[in-house]
C-alpha atoms as a PDB file:
ATOM      1  CA  MET A   1       0.000   0.000   0.000  1.00  0.00           C
ATOM      2  CA  SER A   2       1.466   3.360  -0.959  1.00  0.00           C
ATOM      3  CA  HIS A   3       1.482   6.393   1.271  1.00  0.00           C
ATOM      4  CA  VAL A   4      -0.947   9.166   0.319  1.00  0.00           C
ATOM      5  CA  PRO A   5       0.443  12.588   1.229  1.00  0.00           C
ATOM      6  CA  GLU A   6      -1.814  14.588   3.493  1.00  0.00           C
ATOM      7  CA  THR A   7      -2.838  18.131   2.682  1.00  0.00           C
ATOM      8  CA  VAL A   8      -2.194  20.668   5.424  1.00  0.00           C
ATOM      9  CA  LYS A   9      -5.186  22.859   6.229  1.00  0.00           C
ATOM     10  CA  GLN A  10      -4.588  26.516   5.477  1.00  0.00           C
ATOM     11  CA  TYR A  11      -6.134  29.478   7.253  1.00  0.00           C
ATOM     12  CA  VAL A  12      -6.597  33.112   6.181  1.00  0.00           C
ATOM     13  CA  CYS A  13      -6.279  35.978   8.655  1.00  0.00           C
ATOM     14  CA  VAL A  14      -9.512  37.980   8.547  1.00  0.00           C
ATOM     15  CA  ASP A  15      -7.684  41.245   9.307  1.00  0.00           C
ATOM     16  CA  CYS A  16      -4.853  41.213   6.739  1.00  0.00           C
ATOM     17  CA  GLN A  17      -5.576  38.163   4.534  1.00  0.00           C
ATOM     18  CA  THR A  18      -2.200  36.545   5.234  1.00  0.00           C
ATOM     19  CA  MET A  19      -2.288  32.761   4.812  1.00  0.00           C
ATOM     20  CA  HIS A  20      -1.003  30.423   7.505  1.00  0.00           C
ATOM     21  CA  ALA A  21      -0.401  26.682   7.555  1.00  0.00           C
ATOM     22  CA  GLY A  22      -2.438  24.957  10.244  1.00  0.00           C
ATOM     23  CA  THR A  23      -0.648  23.708  13.334  1.00  0.00           C
ATOM     24  CA  PRO A  24      -0.825  19.898  13.569  1.00  0.00           C
ATOM     25  CA  ILE A  25      -2.380  18.679  16.818  1.00  0.00           C
ATOM     26  CA  HIS A  26      -1.493  15.037  17.484  1.00  0.00           C
ATOM     27  CA  HIS A  27      -4.018  12.703  19.108  1.00  0.00           C
ATOM     28  CA  ASP A  28      -3.739   9.246  20.642  1.00  0.00           C
ATOM     29  CA  GLY A  29      -3.687   6.500  18.037  1.00  0.00           C
ATOM     30  CA  GLY A  30      -1.598   8.497  15.554  1.00  0.00           C
ATOM     31  CA  ASP A  31      -4.391  10.721  14.267  1.00  0.00           C
ATOM     32  CA  HIS A  32      -4.058  14.476  14.059  1.00  0.00           C
ATOM     33  CA  THR A  33      -6.028  17.571  13.177  1.00  0.00           C
ATOM     34  CA  PHE A  34      -4.985  21.087  12.224  1.00  0.00           C
ATOM     35  CA  GLU A  35      -5.739  24.319  14.058  1.00  0.00           C
ATOM     36  CA  PRO A  36      -5.155  27.936  13.093  1.00  0.00           C
ATOM     37  CA  PRO A  37      -2.387  29.808  14.903  1.00  0.00           C
ATOM     38  CA  ALA A  38      -3.197  31.749  18.064  1.00  0.00           C
ATOM     39  CA  ALA A  39      -2.213  35.021  16.367  1.00  0.00           C
ATOM     40  CA  CYS A  40      -1.305  36.179  12.872  1.00  0.00           C
ATOM     41  CA  GLY A  41       2.426  36.533  12.334  1.00  0.00           C
ATOM     42  CA  ALA A  42       1.912  39.633  10.186  1.00  0.00           C
ATOM     43  CA  CYS A  43      -0.684  41.730  12.041  1.00  0.00           C
ATOM     44  CA  GLU A  44      -1.271  39.823  15.312  1.00  0.00           C
ATOM     45  CA  GLY A  45      -4.959  39.347  14.420  1.00  0.00           C
ATOM     46  CA  SER A  46      -6.691  36.416  16.076  1.00  0.00           C
ATOM     47  CA  GLU A  47      -9.580  35.578  13.734  1.00  0.00           C
ATOM     48  CA  PHE A  48      -8.979  33.041  10.974  1.00  0.00           C
ATOM     49  CA  VAL A  49     -11.113  31.367   8.319  1.00  0.00           C
ATOM     50  CA  GLU A  50     -10.218  28.019   6.779  1.00  0.00           C
ATOM     51  CA  LEU A  51      -9.087  28.568   3.191  1.00  0.00           C
ATOM     52  CA  GLY A  52     -11.944  26.486   1.752  1.00  0.00           C
ATOM     53  CA  GLY A  53     -14.493  28.768   3.447  1.00  0.00           C
ATOM     54  CA  TRP A  54     -12.786  32.064   2.620  1.00  0.00           C
ATOM     55  CA  ILE A  55     -14.866  32.772  -0.493  1.00  0.00           C
ATOM     56  CA  HIS A  56     -18.032  32.514   1.623  1.00  0.00           C
ATOM     57  CA  HIS A  57     -16.699  34.626   4.492  1.00  0.00           C
ATOM     58  CA  HIS A  58     -18.306  38.033   4.994  1.00  0.00           C
ATOM     59  CA  ASP A  59     -17.454  40.657   7.601  1.00  0.00           C
END
């Protein structure tokens, strides 16, 4: 069985629209999920939208 590469979730900062890679959170059993950063590295904003939902996001 070949390994299928996993896609990292990406998040967009609502304040400045900078994209961030999600932080992997490891769970028991080897599974993991991704979470947005606590703060934007560019503007220090704290609200993020997953990239797939960005086009539907409205302020």
